[in-house]
Every structure is written in structure tokens, then in C-alpha cells.
Amino acid sequence: MTPALTSATLDREAGYRLLDEYQDRATQEAALPALERIAPGFPDWIVTSLFGGTYQRDGLEPRDRQLVNLATLATLGGVDPQLTGHIRSSLRVGLTRRQVVEVFVHLAPYIGTPKALAALRVAATTFEGLDTE
């Protein structure tokens, strides 16, 4: 017998509204159409399950979620496009450039200097791109 579980929130429309708040047009246009071409339907699944599901849960503010995302992506390494997008999203939800940098500096003893340096390079490139827009 399956135990009673609390229904999960999966709100596709709320997911797309939240995506518009978190991601600027340039980030959306760089990521979703290219992914749709190679994996049709997968971008919609991501938006619906993450932004329309996980991000809809109570307990963390948008700023807090972005701090977790920055730390996780820096720890993973090799995910520069996603890290770039989340750096941009972090600025949109209220983090400053200095705070983004300090996240990566703070992580160095935990994830290793090479990964922290790689994240800082992504941050520098992202900030430069914002300055030229």
C-alpha cells in the first residue's frame, strides 16, 4: 500500500512567470531555444518542474535559493552556462556583484581553489557582459 503523500505543486504558468522574473531575456534566449532544438520538451519540463515546482515551495526566499544555486554550481564545476545564468539571476533578485564574488571566495577552502577560481572567472566574464549591454 502506498503511503499518503502531500501533493506536489507543479504550476507550469507560475513557472514561466517566475522564470521571467529570475532570468533576463538574453539568458532565456541563449538557453531554452537551443535546448528545445536538441531535446524537444525538455526545456518545458525544466521550467515546469523547477520554477513551477521546487521554486514554488515555502521556506527559502529567492535570494537564498540563488546563494544555494551559486554554491552548488561552483562546486560541480564545468557548468559555466548555468553558472552564468544564475549569476545574472542572483543580481536580479537582489545580490550585489560583491556578494556574488564573496560566495565564490568563501567556497575556496571547501570546494578547492581551482573551482573557486573558475567560478570567479565566470563571474568576471558575466559582469563584463552586463557592462556592455
Foldseek 3Di string as FASTA:
>chain_A
DDDDDDDFFFDLVQLVVVCVQQFPPVLCVVPDVVCCVVPNPPVSVCSRCVSRTVVPDPDDDQLRVLLVVLLVDLLVPPPLSSNLRSLSSNVSRPDDLVNSLVSLVVCCVPRHVVSSVVSVVSSVVSVVVVVVD
